């Protein structure tokens, strides 16, 4: 099958298991060099959907990404700690 231009790929459809697990297609793992034990980050946009990125790739391309987010994150009520 001919691949679309511009590095875009469709890797197929996957099914979420009862435990919330998915299997990343072998061709996607190969193309993105995802190995056993690699950490993947799950990013989301409520209007656009979710995406996966290797943690190492994000750290290499945007080393200040998480420190930038620290100022924007608001803890949820269950995450707040109240001293009694």
PDB file of N, CA and C in Angstrom:
ATOM      1  N   UNK A   1       0.835  -1.174   0.000  1.00  0.00           N
ATOM      2  CA  UNK A   1       0.000   0.000   0.000  1.00  0.00           C
ATOM      3  C   UNK A   1       0.883   1.241   0.000  1.00  0.00           C
ATOM      4  N   UNK A   2       0.553   2.212  -0.811  1.00  0.00           N
ATOM      5  CA  UNK A   2       1.328   3.440  -0.891  1.00  0.00           C
ATOM      6  C   UNK A   2       1.057   4.310   0.336  1.00  0.00           C
ATOM      7  N   UNK A   3       2.121   4.850   0.928  1.00  0.00           N
ATOM      8  CA  UNK A   3       1.992   5.693   2.119  1.00  0.00           C
ATOM      9  C   UNK A   3       1.716   7.136   1.694  1.00  0.00           C
ATOM     10  N   UNK A   4       0.868   7.842   2.452  1.00  0.00           N
ATOM     11  CA  UNK A   4       0.617   9.252   2.156  1.00  0.00           C
ATOM     12  C   UNK A   4       1.898  10.073   2.296  1.00  0.00           C
ATOM     13  N   UNK A   5       1.937  11.193   1.619  1.00  0.00           N
ATOM     14  CA  UNK A   5       3.124  12.048   1.698  1.00  0.00           C
ATOM     15  C   UNK A   5       3.145  12.812   3.014  1.00  0.00           C
ATOM     16  N   UNK A   6       4.253  13.431   3.305  1.00  0.00           N
ATOM     17  CA  UNK A   6       4.379  14.269   4.485  1.00  0.00           C
ATOM     18  C   UNK A   6       4.555  13.522   5.791  1.00  0.00           C
ATOM     19  N   UNK A   7       4.890  12.246   5.736  1.00  0.00           N
ATOM     20  CA  UNK A   7       5.129  11.495   6.955  1.00  0.00           C
ATOM     21  C   UNK A   7       3.879  11.087   7.700  1.00  0.00           C
ATOM     22  N   UNK A   8       2.707  11.294   7.144  1.00  0.00           N
ATOM     23  CA  UNK A   8       1.458  10.907   7.798  1.00  0.00           C
ATOM     24  C   UNK A   8       1.208   9.424   7.585  1.00  0.00           C
ATOM     25  N   UNK A   9       0.685   8.759   8.604  1.00  0.00           N
ATOM     26  CA  UNK A   9       0.424   7.317   8.508  1.00  0.00           C
ATOM     27  C   UNK A   9      -0.895   6.978   9.184  1.00  0.00           C
ATOM     28  N   UNK A  10      -1.548   5.953   8.721  1.00  0.00           N
ATOM     29  CA  UNK A  10      -2.696   5.350   9.394  1.00  0.00           C
ATOM     30  C   UNK A  10      -2.273   3.937   9.737  1.00  0.00           C
ATOM     31  N   UNK A  11      -2.291   3.594  11.014  1.00  0.00           N
ATOM     32  CA  UNK A  11      -1.794   2.297  11.462  1.00  0.00           C
ATOM     33  C   UNK A  11      -2.894   1.281  11.724  1.00  0.00           C
ATOM     34  N   UNK A  12      -4.128   1.642  11.524  1.00  0.00           N
ATOM     35  CA  UNK A  12      -5.222   0.703  11.722  1.00  0.00           C
ATOM     36  C   UNK A  12      -6.057   1.078  12.930  1.00  0.00           C
ATOM     37  N   UNK A  13      -7.012   0.223  13.251  1.00  0.00           N
ATOM     38  CA  UNK A  13      -7.898   0.431  14.397  1.00  0.00           C
ATOM     39  C   UNK A  13      -7.488  -0.523  15.511  1.00  0.00           C
ATOM     40  N   UNK A  14      -7.645  -0.069  16.736  1.00  0.00           N
ATOM     41  CA  UNK A  14      -7.321  -0.903  17.886  1.00  0.00           C
ATOM     42  C   UNK A  14      -8.531  -0.959  18.810  1.00  0.00           C
ATOM     43  N   UNK A  15      -8.550  -1.938  19.685  1.00  0.00           N
ATOM     44  CA  UNK A  15      -9.645  -2.116  20.630  1.00  0.00           C
ATOM     45  C   UNK A  15      -9.112  -1.957  22.047  1.00  0.00           C
ATOM     46  N   UNK A  16      -9.860  -1.254  22.872  1.00  0.00           N
ATOM     47  CA  UNK A  16      -9.490  -1.080  24.271  1.00  0.00           C
ATOM     48  C   UNK A  16     -10.000  -2.291  25.043  1.00  0.00           C
ATOM     49  N   UNK A  17      -9.122  -2.902  25.841  1.00  0.00           N
ATOM     50  CA  UNK A  17      -9.502  -4.075  26.628  1.00  0.00           C
ATOM     51  C   UNK A  17     -10.328  -3.659  27.848  1.00  0.00           C
ATOM     52  N   UNK A  18     -10.843  -4.643  28.559  1.00  0.00           N
ATOM     53  CA  UNK A  18     -11.603  -4.368  29.777  1.00  0.00           C
ATOM     54  C   UNK A  18     -10.771  -3.625  30.808  1.00  0.00           C
ATOM     55  N   UNK A  19      -9.479  -3.841  30.781  1.00  0.00           N
ATOM     56  CA  UNK A  19      -8.571  -3.166  31.717  1.00  0.00           C
ATOM     57  C   UNK A  19      -8.076  -1.823  31.186  1.00  0.00           C
ATOM     58  N   UNK A  20      -8.586  -1.379  30.044  1.00  0.00           N
ATOM     59  CA  UNK A  20      -8.181  -0.099  29.483  1.00  0.00           C
ATOM     60  C   UNK A  20      -6.891  -0.156  28.690  1.00  0.00           C
ATOM     61  N   UNK A  21      -6.432  -1.346  28.353  1.00  0.00           N
ATOM     62  CA  UNK A  21      -5.171  -1.499  27.632  1.00  0.00           C
ATOM     63  C   UNK A  21      -5.394  -1.501  26.129  1.00  0.00           C
ATOM     64  N   UNK A  22      -4.365  -1.055  25.421  1.00  0.00           N
ATOM     65  CA  UNK A  22      -4.371  -1.096  23.955  1.00  0.00           C
ATOM     66  C   UNK A  22      -3.070  -1.743  23.487  1.00  0.00           C
ATOM     67  N   UNK A  23      -3.074  -2.224  22.257  1.00  0.00           N
ATOM     68  CA  UNK A  23      -1.865  -2.749  21.641  1.00  0.00           C
ATOM     69  C   UNK A  23      -1.501  -1.805  20.498  1.00  0.00           C
ATOM     70  N   UNK A  24      -0.311  -1.265  20.558  1.00  0.00           N
ATOM     71  CA  UNK A  24       0.171  -0.379  19.491  1.00  0.00           C
ATOM     72  C   UNK A  24       0.629  -1.266  18.344  1.00  0.00           C
ATOM     73  N   UNK A  25       0.117  -1.033  17.135  1.00  0.00           N
ATOM     74  CA  UNK A  25       0.506  -1.888  16.005  1.00  0.00           C
ATOM     75  C   UNK A  25       2.019  -1.945  15.817  1.00  0.00           C
ATOM     76  N   UNK A  26       2.496  -3.114  15.421  1.00  0.00           N
ATOM     77  CA  UNK A  26       3.934  -3.339  15.249  1.00  0.00           C
ATOM     78  C   UNK A  26       4.559  -2.329  14.300  1.00  0.00           C
ATOM     79  N   UNK A  27       3.858  -1.982  13.234  1.00  0.00           N
ATOM     80  CA  UNK A  27       4.424  -1.021  12.274  1.00  0.00           C
ATOM     81  C   UNK A  27       4.606   0.351  12.908  1.00  0.00           C
ATOM     82  N   UNK A  28       3.703   0.754  13.796  1.00  0.00           N
ATOM     83  CA  UNK A  28       3.846   2.033  14.499  1.00  0.00           C
ATOM     84  C   UNK A  28       5.000   1.961  15.492  1.00  0.00           C
ATOM     85  N   UNK A  29       5.115   0.831  16.211  1.00  0.00           N
ATOM     86  CA  UNK A  29       6.237   0.674  17.142  1.00  0.00           C
ATOM     87  C   UNK A  29       7.562   0.732  16.402  1.00  0.00           C
ATOM     88  N   UNK A  30       7.602   0.112  15.241  1.00  0.00           N
ATOM     89  CA  UNK A  30       8.832   0.112  14.441  1.00  0.00           C
ATOM     90  C   UNK A  30       9.135   1.528  13.939  1.00  0.00           C
ATOM     91  N   UNK A  31       8.145   2.210  13.371  1.00  0.00           N
ATOM     92  CA  UNK A  31       8.362   3.553  12.822  1.00  0.00           C
ATOM     93  C   UNK A  31       8.803   4.556  13.882  1.00  0.00           C
ATOM     94  N   UNK A  32       8.301   4.394  15.108  1.00  0.00           N
ATOM     95  CA  UNK A  32       8.615   5.345  16.171  1.00  0.00           C
ATOM     96  C   UNK A  32       9.622   4.801  17.176  1.00  0.00           C
ATOM     97  N   UNK A  33      10.219   3.668  16.842  1.00  0.00           N
ATOM     98  CA  UNK A  33      11.255   3.052  17.668  1.00  0.00           C
ATOM     99  C   UNK A  33      10.797   2.883  19.122  1.00  0.00           C
ATOM    100  N   UNK A  34       9.589   2.368  19.296  1.00  0.00           N
ATOM    101  CA  UNK A  34       9.062   2.106  20.630  1.00  0.00           C
ATOM    102  C   UNK A  34       9.486   0.706  21.033  1.00  0.00           C
ATOM    103  N   UNK A  35      10.230   0.646  22.136  1.00  0.00           N
ATOM    104  CA  UNK A  35      10.770  -0.617  22.641  1.00  0.00           C
ATOM    105  C   UNK A  35      10.090  -0.999  23.946  1.00  0.00           C
ATOM    106  N   UNK A  36      10.189  -2.261  24.320  1.00  0.00           N
ATOM    107  CA  UNK A  36       9.673  -2.736  25.596  1.00  0.00           C
ATOM    108  C   UNK A  36      10.283  -1.900  26.716  1.00  0.00           C
ATOM    109  N   UNK A  37       9.454  -1.410  27.611  1.00  0.00           N
ATOM    110  CA  UNK A  37       9.925  -0.612  28.738  1.00  0.00           C
ATOM    111  C   UNK A  37       9.935   0.883  28.496  1.00  0.00           C
ATOM    112  N   UNK A  38       9.754   1.325  27.258  1.00  0.00           N
ATOM    113  CA  UNK A  38       9.704   2.760  26.981  1.00  0.00           C
ATOM    114  C   UNK A  38       8.508   3.383  27.684  1.00  0.00           C
ATOM    115  N   UNK A  39       8.672   4.621  28.141  1.00  0.00           N
ATOM    116  CA  UNK A  39       7.580   5.374  28.744  1.00  0.00           C
ATOM    117  C   UNK A  39       6.910   6.198  27.655  1.00  0.00           C
ATOM    118  N   UNK A  40       5.593   6.106  27.593  1.00  0.00           N
ATOM    119  CA  UNK A  40       4.815   6.915  26.667  1.00  0.00           C
ATOM    120  C   UNK A  40       3.950   7.874  27.458  1.00  0.00           C
ATOM    121  N   UNK A  41       3.813   9.086  26.955  1.00  0.00           N
ATOM    122  CA  UNK A  41       2.936  10.066  27.578  1.00  0.00           C
ATOM    123  C   UNK A  41       1.639  10.114  26.788  1.00  0.00           C
ATOM    124  N   UNK A  42       0.531  10.221  27.487  1.00  0.00           N
ATOM    125  CA  UNK A  42      -0.777  10.326  26.857  1.00  0.00           C
ATOM    126  C   UNK A  42      -1.204  11.779  26.986  1.00  0.00           C
ATOM    127  N   UNK A  43      -1.333  12.448  25.856  1.00  0.00           N
ATOM    128  CA  UNK A  43      -1.726  13.849  25.818  1.00  0.00           C
ATOM    129  C   UNK A  43      -3.143  13.933  25.268  1.00  0.00           C
ATOM    130  N   UNK A  44      -3.886  14.929  25.665  1.00  0.00           N
ATOM    131  CA  UNK A  44      -5.251  15.016  25.195  1.00  0.00           C
ATOM    132  C   UNK A  44      -5.745  16.429  24.995  1.00  0.00           C
ATOM    133  N   UNK A  45      -6.678  16.536  24.096  1.00  0.00           N
ATOM    134  CA  UNK A  45      -7.410  17.763  23.823  1.00  0.00           C
ATOM    135  C   UNK A  45      -8.870  17.327  23.717  1.00  0.00           C
ATOM    136  N   UNK A  46      -9.725  17.866  24.564  1.00  0.00           N
ATOM    137  CA  UNK A  46     -11.109  17.401  24.614  1.00  0.00           C
ATOM    138  C   UNK A  46     -11.853  17.562  23.294  1.00  0.00           C
ATOM    139  N   UNK A  47     -11.373  18.447  22.430  1.00  0.00           N
ATOM    140  CA  UNK A  47     -12.023  18.627  21.122  1.00  0.00           C
ATOM    141  C   UNK A  47     -11.333  17.826  20.016  1.00  0.00           C
ATOM    142  N   UNK A  48     -10.014  17.619  20.136  1.00  0.00           N
ATOM    143  CA  UNK A  48      -9.255  16.975  19.066  1.00  0.00           C
ATOM    144  C   UNK A  48      -8.993  15.493  19.294  1.00  0.00           C
ATOM    145  N   UNK A  49      -8.927  15.067  20.555  1.00  0.00           N
ATOM    146  CA  UNK A  49      -8.659  13.663  20.836  1.00  0.00           C
ATOM    147  C   UNK A  49      -7.396  13.471  21.642  1.00  0.00           C
ATOM    148  N   UNK A  50      -6.892  12.233  21.621  1.00  0.00           N
ATOM    149  CA  UNK A  50      -5.701  11.904  22.391  1.00  0.00           C
ATOM    150  C   UNK A  50      -4.545  11.531  21.469  1.00  0.00           C
ATOM    151  N   UNK A  51      -3.352  11.624  22.021  1.00  0.00           N
ATOM    152  CA  UNK A  51      -2.165  11.255  21.268  1.00  0.00           C
ATOM    153  C   UNK A  51      -1.129  10.676  22.207  1.00  0.00           C
ATOM    154  N   UNK A  52      -0.222   9.917  21.653  1.00  0.00           N
ATOM    155  CA  UNK A  52       0.874   9.315  22.409  1.00  0.00           C
ATOM    156  C   UNK A  52       2.187   9.875  21.912  1.00  0.00           C
ATOM    157  N   UNK A  53       3.132  10.049  22.829  1.00  0.00           N
ATOM    158  CA  UNK A  53       4.480  10.452  22.453  1.00  0.00           C
ATOM    159  C   UNK A  53       5.448   9.782  23.425  1.00  0.00           C
ATOM    160  N   UNK A  54       6.585   9.359  22.910  1.00  0.00           N
ATOM    161  CA  UNK A  54       7.615   8.810  23.794  1.00  0.00           C
ATOM    162  C   UNK A  54       8.095   9.928  24.703  1.00  0.00           C
ATOM    163  N   UNK A  55       8.195   9.625  25.987  1.00  0.00           N
ATOM    164  CA  UNK A  55       8.649  10.629  26.950  1.00  0.00           C
ATOM    165  C   UNK A  55      10.015  11.170  26.549  1.00  0.00           C
ATOM    166  N   UNK A  56      10.906  10.291  26.115  1.00  0.00           N
ATOM    167  CA  UNK A  56      12.254  10.731  25.737  1.00  0.00           C
ATOM    168  C   UNK A  56      12.217  11.693  24.557  1.00  0.00           C
ATOM    169  N   UNK A  57      11.310  11.487  23.624  1.00  0.00           N
ATOM    170  CA  UNK A  57      11.205  12.377  22.467  1.00  0.00           C
ATOM    171  C   UNK A  57      10.735  13.762  22.891  1.00  0.00           C
ATOM    172  N   UNK A  58       9.785  13.811  23.805  1.00  0.00           N
ATOM    173  CA  UNK A  58       9.300  15.107  24.272  1.00  0.00           C
ATOM    174  C   UNK A  58      10.382  15.837  25.053  1.00  0.00           C
ATOM    175  N   UNK A  59      11.093  15.131  25.920  1.00  0.00           N
ATOM    176  CA  UNK A  59      12.159  15.767  26.692  1.00  0.00           C
ATOM    177  C   UNK A  59      13.264  16.292  25.774  1.00  0.00           C
ATOM    178  N   UNK A  60      13.577  15.538  24.715  1.00  0.00           N
ATOM    179  CA  UNK A  60      14.620  15.977  23.780  1.00  0.00           C
ATOM    180  C   UNK A  60      14.192  17.210  22.991  1.00  0.00           C
ATOM    181  N   UNK A  61      12.934  17.255  22.567  1.00  0.00           N
ATOM    182  CA  UNK A  61      12.454  18.344  21.705  1.00  0.00           C
ATOM    183  C   UNK A  61      11.991  19.564  22.485  1.00  0.00           C
ATOM    184  N   UNK A  62      11.503  19.353  23.698  1.00  0.00           N
ATOM    185  CA  UNK A  62      10.984  20.463  24.501  1.00  0.00           C
ATOM    186  C   UNK A  62      11.353  20.265  25.960  1.00  0.00           C
ATOM    187  N   UNK A  63      12.620  20.472  26.308  1.00  0.00           N
ATOM    188  CA  UNK A  63      13.062  20.184  27.671  1.00  0.00           C
ATOM    189  C   UNK A  63      12.334  20.987  28.743  1.00  0.00           C
ATOM    190  N   UNK A  64      11.775  22.145  28.421  1.00  0.00           N
ATOM    191  CA  UNK A  64      11.076  22.954  29.411  1.00  0.00           C
ATOM    192  C   UNK A  64       9.582  22.712  29.454  1.00  0.00           C
ATOM    193  N   UNK A  65       9.109  21.681  28.761  1.00  0.00           N
ATOM    194  CA  UNK A  65       7.668  21.432  28.633  1.00  0.00           C
ATOM    195  C   UNK A  65       6.974  21.306  29.989  1.00  0.00           C
ATOM    196  N   UNK A  66       7.493  20.480  30.881  1.00  0.00           N
ATOM    197  CA  UNK A  66       6.818  20.244  32.149  1.00  0.00           C
ATOM    198  C   UNK A  66       6.946  21.429  33.096  1.00  0.00           C
ATOM    199  N   UNK A  67       8.077  22.110  33.088  1.00  0.00           N
ATOM    200  CA  UNK A  67       8.198  23.278  33.957  1.00  0.00           C
ATOM    201  C   UNK A  67       7.264  24.383  33.475  1.00  0.00           C
ATOM    202  N   UNK A  68       7.027  24.476  32.175  1.00  0.00           N
ATOM    203  CA  UNK A  68       6.093  25.447  31.628  1.00  0.00           C
ATOM    204  C   UNK A  68       4.677  25.140  32.116  1.00  0.00           C
ATOM    205  N   UNK A  69       4.325  23.854  32.153  1.00  0.00           N
ATOM    206  CA  UNK A  69       2.987  23.460  32.574  1.00  0.00           C
ATOM    207  C   UNK A  69       2.740  23.678  34.064  1.00  0.00           C
ATOM    208  N   UNK A  70       3.786  23.638  34.867  1.00  0.00           N
ATOM    209  CA  UNK A  70       3.602  23.760  36.311  1.00  0.00           C
ATOM    210  C   UNK A  70       2.835  25.014  36.683  1.00  0.00           C
ATOM    211  N   UNK A  71       3.054  26.089  35.983  1.00  0.00           N
ATOM    212  CA  UNK A  71       2.356  27.331  36.275  1.00  0.00           C
ATOM    213  C   UNK A  71       0.917  27.325  35.803  1.00  0.00           C
ATOM    214  N   UNK A  72       0.559  26.432  34.904  1.00  0.00           N
ATOM    215  CA  UNK A  72      -0.787  26.391  34.345  1.00  0.00           C
ATOM    216  C   UNK A  72      -1.673  25.348  35.004  1.00  0.00           C
ATOM    217  N   UNK A  73      -1.086  24.384  35.677  1.00  0.00           N
ATOM    218  CA  UNK A  73      -1.869  23.299  36.255  1.00  0.00           C
ATOM    219  C   UNK A  73      -2.565  23.746  37.529  1.00  0.00           C
ATOM    220  N   UNK A  74      -3.820  23.379  37.651  1.00  0.00           N
ATOM    221  CA  UNK A  74      -4.577  23.635  38.863  1.00  0.00           C
ATOM    222  C   UNK A  74      -4.890  22.291  39.496  1.00  0.00           C
ATOM    223  N   UNK A  75      -4.530  22.082  40.755  1.00  0.00           N
ATOM    224  CA  UNK A  75      -4.805  20.784  41.377  1.00  0.00           C
ATOM    225  C   UNK A  75      -6.311  20.562  41.519  1.00  0.00           C
ATOM    226  N   UNK A  76      -6.721  19.320  41.364  1.00  0.00           N
ATOM    227  CA  UNK A  76      -8.122  18.989  41.577  1.00  0.00           C
ATOM    228  C   UNK A  76      -8.369  18.955  43.073  1.00  0.00           C
ATOM    229  N   UNK A  77      -9.627  19.096  43.515  1.00  0.00           N
ATOM    230  CA  UNK A  77      -9.906  19.126  44.959  1.00  0.00           C
ATOM    231  C   UNK A  77      -9.342  17.924  45.712  1.00  0.00           C
ATOM    232  N   UNK A  78      -9.362  16.735  45.110  1.00  0.00           N
ATOM    233  CA  UNK A  78      -8.843  15.571  45.820  1.00  0.00           C
ATOM    234  C   UNK A  78      -7.326  15.561  45.903  1.00  0.00           C
ATOM    235  N   UNK A  79      -6.669  16.387  45.070  1.00  0.00           N
ATOM    236  CA  UNK A  79      -5.208  16.469  45.114  1.00  0.00           C
ATOM    237  C   UNK A  79      -4.712  17.492  46.131  1.00  0.00           C
ATOM    238  N   UNK A  80      -5.599  18.359  46.585  1.00  0.00           N
ATOM    239  CA  UNK A  80      -5.177  19.403  47.517  1.00  0.00           C
ATOM    240  C   UNK A  80      -4.953  18.802  48.898  1.00  0.00           C
ATOM    241  N   UNK A  81      -3.943  19.317  49.571  1.00  0.00           N
ATOM    242  CA  UNK A  81      -3.600  18.835  50.896  1.00  0.00           C
ATOM    243  C   UNK A  81      -3.957  19.915  51.900  1.00  0.00           C
ATOM    244  N   UNK A  82      -4.781  19.577  52.876  1.00  0.00           N
ATOM    245  CA  UNK A  82      -5.115  20.522  53.920  1.00  0.00           C
ATOM    246  C   UNK A  82      -4.543  20.028  55.236  1.00  0.00           C
ATOM    247  N   UNK A  83      -3.794  20.877  55.890  1.00  0.00           N
ATOM    248  CA  UNK A  83      -3.197  20.528  57.157  1.00  0.00           C
ATOM    249  C   UNK A  83      -4.213  20.738  58.266  1.00  0.00           C
ATOM    250  N   UNK A  84      -4.373  19.763  59.149  1.00  0.00           N
ATOM    251  CA  UNK A  84      -5.357  19.873  60.240  1.00  0.00           C
ATOM    252  C   UNK A  84      -4.710  20.247  61.533  1.00  0.00           C
TER     253      UNK A  84
END
